[in-house]
Amino acid sequence: ISRSGDSAYYAESVKGRFTISRENARNTVFLQMNSLKPEDTAVYSCVT
């Protein structure tokens, strides 16, 4: 997700199921993950 939150990008494997968003006032980025599949099992990390 971009600095302003106006632009978001997704891997093909999660498009339509995951949504990234941010609240700059709370210094937080969210990843909403729906319709989870066993192949989504992993350690998830955020990065700048």
ModelCIF file with pLDDT and N, C-alpha, C, O atoms, coordinates in Angstrom:
data_MODEL
#
_entry.id   MODEL 
#
_entity.id                         1 
_entity.type                       polymer 
_entity.pdbx_number_of_molecules   1 
#
_entity_poly.entity_id                      1 
_entity_poly.type                           'polypeptide(L)' 
_entity_poly.nstd_linkage                   no 
_entity_poly.nstd_monomer                   no 
_entity_poly.pdbx_seq_one_letter_code       ISRSGDSAYYAESVKGRFTISRENARNTVFLQMNSLKPEDTAVYSCVT 
_entity_poly.pdbx_seq_one_letter_code_can   ISRSGDSAYYAESVKGRFTISRENARNTVFLQMNSLKPEDTAVYSCVT 
_entity_poly.pdbx_strand_id                 A 
#
loop_
_entity_poly_seq.entity_id 
_entity_poly_seq.num 
_entity_poly_seq.mon_id 
_entity_poly_seq.hetero 
1 1  ILE n 
1 2  SER n 
1 3  ARG n 
1 4  SER n 
1 5  GLY n 
1 6  ASP n 
1 7  SER n 
1 8  ALA n 
1 9  TYR n 
1 10 TYR n 
1 11 ALA n 
1 12 GLU n 
1 13 SER n 
1 14 VAL n 
1 15 LYS n 
1 16 GLY n 
1 17 ARG n 
1 18 PHE n 
1 19 THR n 
1 20 ILE n 
1 21 SER n 
1 22 ARG n 
1 23 GLU n 
1 24 ASN n 
1 25 ALA n 
1 26 ARG n 
1 27 ASN n 
1 28 THR n 
1 29 VAL n 
1 30 PHE n 
1 31 LEU n 
1 32 GLN n 
1 33 MET n 
1 34 ASN n 
1 35 SER n 
1 36 LEU n 
1 37 LYS n 
1 38 PRO n 
1 39 GLU n 
1 40 ASP n 
1 41 THR n 
1 42 ALA n 
1 43 VAL n 
1 44 TYR n 
1 45 SER n 
1 46 CYS n 
1 47 VAL n 
1 48 THR n 
#
_struct_asym.id          A 
_struct_asym.entity_id   1 
#
loop_
_ma_qa_metric.id 
_ma_qa_metric.mode 
_ma_qa_metric.name 
_ma_qa_metric.software_group_id 
_ma_qa_metric.type 
1 global pLDDT . pLDDT 
2 local  pLDDT . pLDDT 
#
_ma_qa_metric_global.metric_id      1 
_ma_qa_metric_global.metric_value   97.21 
_ma_qa_metric_global.model_id       1 
_ma_qa_metric_global.ordinal_id     1 
#
loop_
_ma_qa_metric_local.label_asym_id 
_ma_qa_metric_local.label_comp_id 
_ma_qa_metric_local.label_seq_id 
_ma_qa_metric_local.metric_id 
_ma_qa_metric_local.metric_value 
_ma_qa_metric_local.model_id 
_ma_qa_metric_local.ordinal_id 
A ILE 1  2 98.00 1 1  
A SER 2  2 97.00 1 2  
A ARG 3  2 96.00 1 3  
A SER 4  2 95.00 1 4  
A GLY 5  2 95.00 1 5  
A ASP 6  2 96.00 1 6  
A SER 7  2 96.00 1 7  
A ALA 8  2 97.00 1 8  
A TYR 9  2 97.00 1 9  
A TYR 10 2 97.00 1 10 
A ALA 11 2 97.00 1 11 
A GLU 12 2 96.00 1 12 
A SER 13 2 97.00 1 13 
A VAL 14 2 98.00 1 14 
A LYS 15 2 98.00 1 15 
A GLY 16 2 98.00 1 16 
A ARG 17 2 98.00 1 17 
A PHE 18 2 98.00 1 18 
A THR 19 2 98.00 1 19 
A ILE 20 2 98.00 1 20 
A SER 21 2 98.00 1 21 
A ARG 22 2 97.00 1 22 
A GLU 23 2 97.00 1 23 
A ASN 24 2 95.00 1 24 
A ALA 25 2 94.00 1 25 
A ARG 26 2 95.00 1 26 
A ASN 27 2 96.00 1 27 
A THR 28 2 97.00 1 28 
A VAL 29 2 98.00 1 29 
A PHE 30 2 98.00 1 30 
A LEU 31 2 98.00 1 31 
A GLN 32 2 98.00 1 32 
A MET 33 2 98.00 1 33 
A ASN 34 2 98.00 1 34 
A SER 35 2 98.00 1 35 
A LEU 36 2 98.00 1 36 
A LYS 37 2 98.00 1 37 
A PRO 38 2 97.00 1 38 
A GLU 39 2 97.00 1 39 
A ASP 40 2 98.00 1 40 
A THR 41 2 98.00 1 41 
A ALA 42 2 98.00 1 42 
A VAL 43 2 98.00 1 43 
A TYR 44 2 98.00 1 44 
A SER 45 2 98.00 1 45 
A CYS 46 2 98.00 1 46 
A VAL 47 2 98.00 1 47 
A THR 48 2 97.00 1 48 
#
loop_
_atom_site.group_PDB 
_atom_site.id 
_atom_site.type_symbol 
_atom_site.label_atom_id 
_atom_site.label_alt_id 
_atom_site.label_comp_id 
_atom_site.label_asym_id 
_atom_site.label_entity_id 
_atom_site.label_seq_id 
_atom_site.pdbx_PDB_ins_code 
_atom_site.Cartn_x 
_atom_site.Cartn_y 
_atom_site.Cartn_z 
_atom_site.occupancy 
_atom_site.B_iso_or_equiv 
_atom_site.pdbx_formal_charge 
_atom_site.auth_seq_id 
_atom_site.auth_comp_id 
_atom_site.auth_asym_id 
_atom_site.auth_atom_id 
_atom_site.pdbx_PDB_model_num 
ATOM 1   N N  . ILE A 1 1  ? 0.847   -1.189  0.000  1.00 98.00 ? 1  ILE A N  1 
ATOM 2   C CA . ILE A 1 1  ? 0.000   0.000   0.000  1.00 98.00 ? 1  ILE A CA 1 
ATOM 3   C C  . ILE A 1 1  ? 0.881   1.236   0.000  1.00 98.00 ? 1  ILE A C  1 
ATOM 4   O O  . ILE A 1 1  ? 1.931   1.270   0.641  1.00 98.00 ? 1  ILE A O  1 
ATOM 5   N N  . SER A 1 2  ? 0.437   2.249   -0.729 1.00 97.00 ? 2  SER A N  1 
ATOM 6   C CA . SER A 1 2  ? 1.204   3.482   -0.845 1.00 97.00 ? 2  SER A CA 1 
ATOM 7   C C  . SER A 1 2  ? 1.137   4.310   0.434  1.00 97.00 ? 2  SER A C  1 
ATOM 8   O O  . SER A 1 2  ? 0.355   4.019   1.339  1.00 97.00 ? 2  SER A O  1 
ATOM 9   N N  . ARG A 1 3  ? 1.965   5.340   0.490  1.00 96.00 ? 3  ARG A N  1 
ATOM 10  C CA . ARG A 1 3  ? 2.046   6.189   1.692  1.00 96.00 ? 3  ARG A CA 1 
ATOM 11  C C  . ARG A 1 3  ? 0.693   6.773   2.072  1.00 96.00 ? 3  ARG A C  1 
ATOM 12  O O  . ARG A 1 3  ? 0.328   6.816   3.247  1.00 96.00 ? 3  ARG A O  1 
ATOM 13  N N  . SER A 1 4  ? -0.038  7.217   1.071  1.00 95.00 ? 4  SER A N  1 
ATOM 14  C CA . SER A 1 4  ? -1.326  7.852   1.331  1.00 95.00 ? 4  SER A CA 1 
ATOM 15  C C  . SER A 1 4  ? -2.451  6.843   1.514  1.00 95.00 ? 4  SER A C  1 
ATOM 16  O O  . SER A 1 4  ? -3.512  7.170   2.046  1.00 95.00 ? 4  SER A O  1 
ATOM 17  N N  . GLY A 1 5  ? -2.212  5.625   1.072  1.00 95.00 ? 5  GLY A N  1 
ATOM 18  C CA . GLY A 1 5  ? -3.259  4.606   1.086  1.00 95.00 ? 5  GLY A CA 1 
ATOM 19  C C  . GLY A 1 5  ? -4.110  4.602   -0.166 1.00 95.00 ? 5  GLY A C  1 
ATOM 20  O O  . GLY A 1 5  ? -5.055  3.821   -0.277 1.00 95.00 ? 5  GLY A O  1 
ATOM 21  N N  . ASP A 1 6  ? -3.781  5.474   -1.115 1.00 96.00 ? 6  ASP A N  1 
ATOM 22  C CA . ASP A 1 6  ? -4.599  5.574   -2.326 1.00 96.00 ? 6  ASP A CA 1 
ATOM 23  C C  . ASP A 1 6  ? -4.374  4.413   -3.288 1.00 96.00 ? 6  ASP A C  1 
ATOM 24  O O  . ASP A 1 6  ? -5.249  4.089   -4.091 1.00 96.00 ? 6  ASP A O  1 
ATOM 25  N N  . SER A 1 7  ? -3.211  3.792   -3.210 1.00 96.00 ? 7  SER A N  1 
ATOM 26  C CA . SER A 1 7  ? -2.897  2.711   -4.141 1.00 96.00 ? 7  SER A CA 1 
ATOM 27  C C  . SER A 1 7  ? -2.582  1.439   -3.378 1.00 96.00 ? 7  SER A C  1 
ATOM 28  O O  . SER A 1 7  ? -1.871  1.464   -2.373 1.00 96.00 ? 7  SER A O  1 
ATOM 29  N N  . ALA A 1 8  ? -3.116  0.328   -3.862 1.00 97.00 ? 8  ALA A N  1 
ATOM 30  C CA . ALA A 1 8  ? -2.883  -0.977  -3.253 1.00 97.00 ? 8  ALA A CA 1 
ATOM 31  C C  . ALA A 1 8  ? -2.533  -1.978  -4.344 1.00 97.00 ? 8  ALA A C  1 
ATOM 32  O O  . ALA A 1 8  ? -3.006  -1.870  -5.476 1.00 97.00 ? 8  ALA A O  1 
ATOM 33  N N  . TYR A 1 9  ? -1.716  -2.935  -4.001 1.00 97.00 ? 9  TYR A N  1 
ATOM 34  C CA . TYR A 1 9  ? -1.222  -3.921  -4.951 1.00 97.00 ? 9  TYR A CA 1 
ATOM 35  C C  . TYR A 1 9  ? -1.297  -5.299  -4.291 1.00 97.00 ? 9  TYR A C  1 
ATOM 36  O O  . TYR A 1 9  ? -1.095  -5.441  -3.085 1.00 97.00 ? 9  TYR A O  1 
ATOM 37  N N  . TYR A 1 10 ? -1.594  -6.310  -5.116 1.00 97.00 ? 10 TYR A N  1 
ATOM 38  C CA . TYR A 1 10 ? -1.797  -7.644  -4.567 1.00 97.00 ? 10 TYR A CA 1 
ATOM 39  C C  . TYR A 1 10 ? -1.129  -8.698  -5.429 1.00 97.00 ? 10 TYR A C  1 
ATOM 40  O O  . TYR A 1 10 ? -1.022  -8.546  -6.646 1.00 97.00 ? 10 TYR A O  1 
ATOM 41  N N  . ALA A 1 11 ? -0.684  -9.756  -4.794 1.00 97.00 ? 11 ALA A N  1 
ATOM 42  C CA . ALA A 1 11 ? -0.277  -10.938 -5.530 1.00 97.00 ? 11 ALA A CA 1 
ATOM 43  C C  . ALA A 1 11 ? -1.516  -11.583 -6.121 1.00 97.00 ? 11 ALA A C  1 
ATOM 44  O O  . ALA A 1 11 ? -2.603  -11.501 -5.550 1.00 97.00 ? 11 ALA A O  1 
ATOM 45  N N  . GLU A 1 12 ? -1.344  -12.228 -7.276 1.00 96.00 ? 12 GLU A N  1 
ATOM 46  C CA . GLU A 1 12 ? -2.486  -12.861 -7.940 1.00 96.00 ? 12 GLU A CA 1 
ATOM 47  C C  . GLU A 1 12 ? -3.158  -13.881 -7.033 1.00 96.00 ? 12 GLU A C  1 
ATOM 48  O O  . GLU A 1 12 ? -4.376  -14.051 -7.073 1.00 96.00 ? 12 GLU A O  1 
ATOM 49  N N  . SER A 1 13 ? -2.371  -14.548 -6.226 1.00 97.00 ? 13 SER A N  1 
ATOM 50  C CA . SER A 1 13 ? -2.895  -15.630 -5.392 1.00 97.00 ? 13 SER A CA 1 
ATOM 51  C C  . SER A 1 13 ? -3.846  -15.144 -4.295 1.00 97.00 ? 13 SER A C  1 
ATOM 52  O O  . SER A 1 13 ? -4.588  -15.943 -3.724 1.00 97.00 ? 13 SER A O  1 
ATOM 53  N N  . VAL A 1 14 ? -3.829  -13.847 -3.998 1.00 98.00 ? 14 VAL A N  1 
ATOM 54  C CA . VAL A 1 14 ? -4.672  -13.341 -2.915 1.00 98.00 ? 14 VAL A CA 1 
ATOM 55  C C  . VAL A 1 14 ? -5.691  -12.306 -3.395 1.00 98.00 ? 14 VAL A C  1 
ATOM 56  O O  . VAL A 1 14 ? -6.530  -11.855 -2.615 1.00 98.00 ? 14 VAL A O  1 
ATOM 57  N N  . LYS A 1 15 ? -5.623  -11.933 -4.661 1.00 98.00 ? 15 LYS A N  1 
ATOM 58  C CA . LYS A 1 15 ? -6.563  -10.934 -5.182 1.00 98.00 ? 15 LYS A CA 1 
ATOM 59  C C  . LYS A 1 15 ? -7.998  -11.395 -4.978 1.00 98.00 ? 15 LYS A C  1 
ATOM 60  O O  . LYS A 1 15 ? -8.339  -12.551 -5.229 1.00 98.00 ? 15 LYS A O  1 
ATOM 61  N N  . GLY A 1 16 ? -8.830  -10.469 -4.518 1.00 98.00 ? 16 GLY A N  1 
ATOM 62  C CA . GLY A 1 16 ? -10.230 -10.787 -4.295 1.00 98.00 ? 16 GLY A CA 1 
ATOM 63  C C  . GLY A 1 16 ? -10.500 -11.403 -2.938 1.00 98.00 ? 16 GLY A C  1 
ATOM 64  O O  . GLY A 1 16 ? -11.656 -11.522 -2.531 1.00 98.00 ? 16 GLY A O  1 
ATOM 65  N N  . ARG A 1 17 ? -9.442  -11.800 -2.227 1.00 98.00 ? 17 ARG A N  1 
ATOM 66  C CA . ARG A 1 17 ? -9.614  -12.409 -0.901 1.00 98.00 ? 17 ARG A CA 1 
ATOM 67  C C  . ARG A 1 17 ? -8.992  -11.548 0.198  1.00 98.00 ? 17 ARG A C  1 
ATOM 68  O O  . ARG A 1 17 ? -9.525  -11.482 1.305  1.00 98.00 ? 17 ARG A O  1 
ATOM 69  N N  . PHE A 1 18 ? -7.884  -10.895 -0.095 1.00 98.00 ? 18 PHE A N  1 
ATOM 70  C CA . PHE A 1 18 ? -7.178  -10.078 0.885  1.00 98.00 ? 18 PHE A CA 1 
ATOM 71  C C  . PHE A 1 18 ? -7.360  -8.601  0.550  1.00 98.00 ? 18 PHE A C  1 
ATOM 72  O O  . PHE A 1 18 ? -7.467  -8.221  -0.617 1.00 98.00 ? 18 PHE A O  1 
ATOM 73  N N  . THR A 1 19 ? -7.393  -7.776  1.595  1.00 98.00 ? 19 THR A N  1 
ATOM 74  C CA . THR A 1 19 ? -7.473  -6.329  1.419  1.00 98.00 ? 19 THR A CA 1 
ATOM 75  C C  . THR A 1 19 ? -6.470  -5.654  2.358  1.00 98.00 ? 19 THR A C  1 
ATOM 76  O O  . THR A 1 19 ? -6.470  -5.888  3.567  1.00 98.00 ? 19 THR A O  1 
ATOM 77  N N  . ILE A 1 20 ? -5.624  -4.818  1.773  1.00 98.00 ? 20 ILE A N  1 
ATOM 78  C CA . ILE A 1 20 ? -4.661  -4.062  2.567  1.00 98.00 ? 20 ILE A CA 1 
ATOM 79  C C  . ILE A 1 20 ? -5.195  -2.644  2.746  1.00 98.00 ? 20 ILE A C  1 
ATOM 80  O O  . ILE A 1 20 ? -5.767  -2.067  1.821  1.00 98.00 ? 20 ILE A O  1 
ATOM 81  N N  . SER A 1 21 ? -5.006  -2.089  3.936  1.00 98.00 ? 21 SER A N  1 
ATOM 82  C CA . SER A 1 21 ? -5.452  -0.723  4.215  1.00 98.00 ? 21 SER A CA 1 
ATOM 83  C C  . SER A 1 21 ? -4.521  -0.127  5.265  1.00 98.00 ? 21 SER A C  1 
ATOM 84  O O  . SER A 1 21 ? -3.717  -0.833  5.874  1.00 98.00 ? 21 SER A O  1 
ATOM 85  N N  . ARG A 1 22 ? -4.641  1.176   5.466  1.00 97.00 ? 22 ARG A N  1 
ATOM 86  C CA . ARG A 1 22 ? -3.802  1.805   6.490  1.00 97.00 ? 22 ARG A CA 1 
ATOM 87  C C  . ARG A 1 22 ? -4.537  2.953   7.147  1.00 97.00 ? 22 ARG A C  1 
ATOM 88  O O  . ARG A 1 22 ? -5.405  3.585   6.547  1.00 97.00 ? 22 ARG A O  1 
ATOM 89  N N  . GLU A 1 23 ? -4.169  3.210   8.399  1.00 97.00 ? 23 GLU A N  1 
ATOM 90  C CA . GLU A 1 23 ? -4.659  4.362   9.151  1.00 97.00 ? 23 GLU A CA 1 
ATOM 91  C C  . GLU A 1 23 ? -3.434  5.095   9.661  1.00 97.00 ? 23 GLU A C  1 
ATOM 92  O O  . GLU A 1 23 ? -2.861  4.728   10.687 1.00 97.00 ? 23 GLU A O  1 
ATOM 93  N N  . ASN A 1 24 ? -3.038  6.125   8.945  1.00 95.00 ? 24 ASN A N  1 
ATOM 94  C CA . ASN A 1 24 ? -1.809  6.826   9.300  1.00 95.00 ? 24 ASN A CA 1 
ATOM 95  C C  . ASN A 1 24 ? -1.899  7.482   10.682 1.00 95.00 ? 24 ASN A C  1 
ATOM 96  O O  . ASN A 1 24 ? -0.891  7.613   11.376 1.00 95.00 ? 24 ASN A O  1 
ATOM 97  N N  . ALA A 1 25 ? -3.093  7.886   11.073 1.00 94.00 ? 25 ALA A N  1 
ATOM 98  C CA . ALA A 1 25 ? -3.249  8.501   12.398 1.00 94.00 ? 25 ALA A CA 1 
ATOM 99  C C  . ALA A 1 25 ? -2.939  7.511   13.516 1.00 94.00 ? 25 ALA A C  1 
ATOM 100 O O  . ALA A 1 25 ? -2.601  7.905   14.632 1.00 94.00 ? 25 ALA A O  1 
ATOM 101 N N  . ARG A 1 26 ? -3.058  6.215   13.204 1.00 95.00 ? 26 ARG A N  1 
ATOM 102 C CA . ARG A 1 26 ? -2.775  5.168   14.194 1.00 95.00 ? 26 ARG A CA 1 
ATOM 103 C C  . ARG A 1 26 ? -1.488  4.423   13.877 1.00 95.00 ? 26 ARG A C  1 
ATOM 104 O O  . ARG A 1 26 ? -1.173  3.414   14.508 1.00 95.00 ? 26 ARG A O  1 
ATOM 105 N N  . ASN A 1 27 ? -0.741  4.928   12.889 1.00 96.00 ? 27 ASN A N  1 
ATOM 106 C CA . ASN A 1 27 ? 0.520   4.280   12.488 1.00 96.00 ? 27 ASN A CA 1 
ATOM 107 C C  . ASN A 1 27 ? 0.339   2.780   12.240 1.00 96.00 ? 27 ASN A C  1 
ATOM 108 O O  . ASN A 1 27 ? 1.164   1.967   12.656 1.00 96.00 ? 27 ASN A O  1 
ATOM 109 N N  . THR A 1 28 ? -0.735  2.435   11.568 1.00 97.00 ? 28 THR A N  1 
ATOM 110 C CA . THR A 1 28 ? -1.076  1.022   11.417 1.00 97.00 ? 28 THR A CA 1 
ATOM 111 C C  . THR A 1 28 ? -1.458  0.688   9.981  1.00 97.00 ? 28 THR A C  1 
ATOM 112 O O  . THR A 1 28 ? -2.155  1.451   9.312  1.00 97.00 ? 28 THR A O  1 
ATOM 113 N N  . VAL A 1 29 ? -0.990  -0.460  9.526  1.00 98.00 ? 29 VAL A N  1 
ATOM 114 C CA . VAL A 1 29 ? -1.427  -1.064  8.272  1.00 98.00 ? 29 VAL A CA 1 
ATOM 115 C C  . VAL A 1 29 ? -2.126  -2.380  8.612  1.00 98.00 ? 29 VAL A C  1 
ATOM 116 O O  . VAL A 1 29 ? -1.673  -3.142  9.466  1.00 98.00 ? 29 VAL A O  1 
ATOM 117 N N  . PHE A 1 30 ? -3.235  -2.624  7.926  1.00 98.00 ? 30 PHE A N  1 
ATOM 118 C CA . PHE A 1 30 ? -4.010  -3.840  8.156  1.00 98.00 ? 30 PHE A CA 1 
ATOM 119 C C  . PHE A 1 30 ? -3.962  -4.736  6.925  1.00 98.00 ? 30 PHE A C  1 
ATOM 120 O O  . PHE A 1 30 ? -3.817  -4.264  5.798  1.00 98.00 ? 30 PHE A O  1 
ATOM 121 N N  . LEU A 1 31 ? -4.087  -6.024  7.161  1.00 98.00 ? 31 LEU A N  1 
ATOM 122 C CA . LEU A 1 31 ? -4.279  -6.984  6.078  1.00 98.00 ? 31 LEU A CA 1 
ATOM 123 C C  . LEU A 1 31 ? -5.479  -7.842  6.458  1.00 98.00 ? 31 LEU A C  1 
ATOM 124 O O  . LEU A 1 31 ? -5.381  -8.730  7.306  1.00 98.00 ? 31 LEU A O  1 
ATOM 125 N N  . GLN A 1 32 ? -6.610  -7.564  5.819  1.00 98.00 ? 32 GLN A N  1 
ATOM 126 C CA . GLN A 1 32 ? -7.812  -8.352  6.028  1.00 98.00 ? 32 GLN A CA 1 
ATOM 127 C C  . GLN A 1 32 ? -7.767  -9.553  5.103  1.00 98.00 ? 32 GLN A C  1 
ATOM 128 O O  . GLN A 1 32 ? -7.679  -9.406  3.884  1.00 98.00 ? 32 GLN A O  1 
ATOM 129 N N  . MET A 1 33 ? -7.826  -10.734 5.681  1.00 98.00 ? 33 MET A N  1 
ATOM 130 C CA . MET A 1 33 ? -7.698  -11.963 4.903  1.00 98.00 ? 33 MET A CA 1 
ATOM 131 C C  . MET A 1 33 ? -8.984  -12.754 5.038  1.00 98.00 ? 33 MET A C  1 
ATOM 132 O O  . MET A 1 33 ? -9.335  -13.203 6.128  1.00 98.00 ? 33 MET A O  1 
ATOM 133 N N  . ASN A 1 34 ? -9.681  -12.921 3.933  1.00 98.00 ? 34 ASN A N  1 
ATOM 134 C CA . ASN A 1 34 ? -10.938 -13.677 3.893  1.00 98.00 ? 34 ASN A CA 1 
ATOM 135 C C  . ASN A 1 34 ? -10.770 -14.922 3.036  1.00 98.00 ? 34 ASN A C  1 
ATOM 136 O O  . ASN A 1 34 ? -9.808  -15.044 2.279  1.00 98.00 ? 34 ASN A O  1 
ATOM 137 N N  . SER A 1 35 ? -11.705 -15.831 3.163  1.00 98.00 ? 35 SER A N  1 
ATOM 138 C CA . SER A 1 35 ? -11.706 -17.072 2.377  1.00 98.00 ? 35 SER A CA 1 
ATOM 139 C C  . SER A 1 35 ? -10.338 -17.741 2.424  1.00 98.00 ? 35 SER A C  1 
ATOM 140 O O  . SER A 1 35 ? -9.786  -18.127 1.393  1.00 98.00 ? 35 SER A O  1 
ATOM 141 N N  . LEU A 1 36 ? -9.815  -17.867 3.595  1.00 98.00 ? 36 LEU A N  1 
ATOM 142 C CA . LEU A 1 36 ? -8.470  -18.412 3.745  1.00 98.00 ? 36 LEU A CA 1 
ATOM 143 C C  . LEU A 1 36 ? -8.394  -19.864 3.316  1.00 98.00 ? 36 LEU A C  1 
ATOM 144 O O  . LEU A 1 36 ? -9.336  -20.640 3.479  1.00 98.00 ? 36 LEU A O  1 
ATOM 145 N N  . LYS A 1 37 ? -7.240  -20.204 2.762  1.00 98.00 ? 37 LYS A N  1 
ATOM 146 C CA . LYS A 1 37 ? -6.980  -21.555 2.259  1.00 98.00 ? 37 LYS A CA 1 
ATOM 147 C C  . LYS A 1 37 ? -5.776  -22.137 3.005  1.00 98.00 ? 37 LYS A C  1 
ATOM 148 O O  . LYS A 1 37 ? -4.951  -21.391 3.533  1.00 98.00 ? 37 LYS A O  1 
ATOM 149 N N  . PRO A 1 38 ? -5.677  -23.452 3.046  1.00 97.00 ? 38 PRO A N  1 
ATOM 150 C CA . PRO A 1 38 ? -4.512  -24.050 3.701  1.00 97.00 ? 38 PRO A CA 1 
ATOM 151 C C  . PRO A 1 38 ? -3.191  -23.546 3.124  1.00 97.00 ? 38 PRO A C  1 
ATOM 152 O O  . PRO A 1 38 ? -2.205  -23.431 3.852  1.00 97.00 ? 38 PRO A O  1 
ATOM 153 N N  . GLU A 1 39 ? -3.161  -23.246 1.832  1.00 97.00 ? 39 GLU A N  1 
ATOM 154 C CA . GLU A 1 39 ? -1.926  -22.753 1.218  1.00 97.00 ? 39 GLU A CA 1 
ATOM 155 C C  . GLU A 1 39 ? -1.565  -21.329 1.621  1.00 97.00 ? 39 GLU A C  1 
ATOM 156 O O  . GLU A 1 39 ? -0.498  -20.836 1.255  1.00 97.00 ? 39 GLU A O  1 
ATOM 157 N N  . ASP A 1 40 ? -2.438  -20.663 2.367  1.00 98.00 ? 40 ASP A N  1 
ATOM 158 C CA . ASP A 1 40 ? -2.099  -19.347 2.922  1.00 98.00 ? 40 ASP A CA 1 
ATOM 159 C C  . ASP A 1 40 ? -1.295  -19.470 4.215  1.00 98.00 ? 40 ASP A C  1 
ATOM 160 O O  . ASP A 1 40 ? -0.827  -18.464 4.749  1.00 98.00 ? 40 ASP A O  1 
ATOM 161 N N  . THR A 1 41 ? -1.133  -20.681 4.717  1.00 98.00 ? 41 THR A N  1 
ATOM 162 C CA . THR A 1 41 ? -0.367  -20.886 5.934  1.00 98.00 ? 41 THR A CA 1 
ATOM 163 C C  . THR A 1 41 ? 1.072   -20.438 5.757  1.00 98.00 ? 41 THR A C  1 
ATOM 164 O O  . THR A 1 41 ? 1.767   -20.892 4.848  1.00 98.00 ? 41 THR A O  1 
ATOM 165 N N  . ALA A 1 42 ? 1.517   -19.537 6.636  1.00 98.00 ? 42 ALA A N  1 
ATOM 166 C CA . ALA A 1 42 ? 2.860   -18.972 6.535  1.00 98.00 ? 42 ALA A CA 1 
ATOM 167 C C  . ALA A 1 42 ? 3.083   -18.008 7.698  1.00 98.00 ? 42 ALA A C  1 
ATOM 168 O O  . ALA A 1 42 ? 2.168   -17.697 8.460  1.00 98.00 ? 42 ALA A O  1 
ATOM 169 N N  . VAL A 1 43 ? 4.304   -17.554 7.806  1.00 98.00 ? 43 VAL A N  1 
ATOM 170 C CA . VAL A 1 43 ? 4.605   -16.410 8.675  1.00 98.00 ? 43 VAL A CA 1 
ATOM 171 C C  . VAL A 1 43 ? 4.471   -15.152 7.834  1.00 98.00 ? 43 VAL A C  1 
ATOM 172 O O  . VAL A 1 43 ? 5.094   -15.028 6.780  1.00 98.00 ? 43 VAL A O  1 
ATOM 173 N N  . TYR A 1 44 ? 3.657   -14.224 8.308  1.00 98.00 ? 44 TYR A N  1 
ATOM 174 C CA . TYR A 1 44 ? 3.401   -12.982 7.580  1.00 98.00 ? 44 TYR A CA 1 
ATOM 175 C C  . TYR A 1 44 ? 4.167   -11.850 8.250  1.00 98.00 ? 44 TYR A C  1 
ATOM 176 O O  . TYR A 1 44 ? 4.117   -11.668 9.467  1.00 98.00 ? 44 TYR A O  1 
ATOM 177 N N  . SER A 1 45 ? 4.876   -11.099 7.418  1.00 98.00 ? 45 SER A N  1 
ATOM 178 C CA . SER A 1 45 ? 5.699   -10.000 7.936  1.00 98.00 ? 45 SER A CA 1 
ATOM 179 C C  . SER A 1 45 ? 5.430   -8.730  7.140  1.00 98.00 ? 45 SER A C  1 
ATOM 180 O O  . SER A 1 45 ? 5.196   -8.777  5.932  1.00 98.00 ? 45 SER A O  1 
ATOM 181 N N  . CYS A 1 46 ? 5.466   -7.608  7.824  1.00 98.00 ? 46 CYS A N  1 
ATOM 182 C CA . CYS A 1 46 ? 5.347   -6.330  7.125  1.00 98.00 ? 46 CYS A CA 1 
ATOM 183 C C  . CYS A 1 46 ? 6.729   -5.701  6.986  1.00 98.00 ? 46 CYS A C  1 
ATOM 184 O O  . CYS A 1 46 ? 7.646   -5.994  7.754  1.00 98.00 ? 46 CYS A O  1 
ATOM 185 N N  . VAL A 1 47 ? 6.853   -4.835  5.995  1.00 98.00 ? 47 VAL A N  1 
ATOM 186 C CA . VAL A 1 47 ? 8.161   -4.264  5.657  1.00 98.00 ? 47 VAL A CA 1 
ATOM 187 C C  . VAL A 1 47 ? 7.966   -2.887  5.040  1.00 98.00 ? 47 VAL A C  1 
ATOM 188 O O  . VAL A 1 47 ? 6.925   -2.599  4.449  1.00 98.00 ? 47 VAL A O  1 
ATOM 189 N N  . THR A 1 48 ? 8.970   -2.048  5.182  1.00 97.00 ? 48 THR A N  1 
ATOM 190 C CA . THR A 1 48 ? 8.899   -0.711  4.591  1.00 97.00 ? 48 THR A CA 1 
ATOM 191 C C  . THR A 1 48 ? 9.372   -0.703  3.140  1.00 97.00 ? 48 THR A C  1 
ATOM 192 O O  . THR A 1 48 ? 9.375   0.347   2.497  1.00 97.00 ? 48 THR A O  1 
#
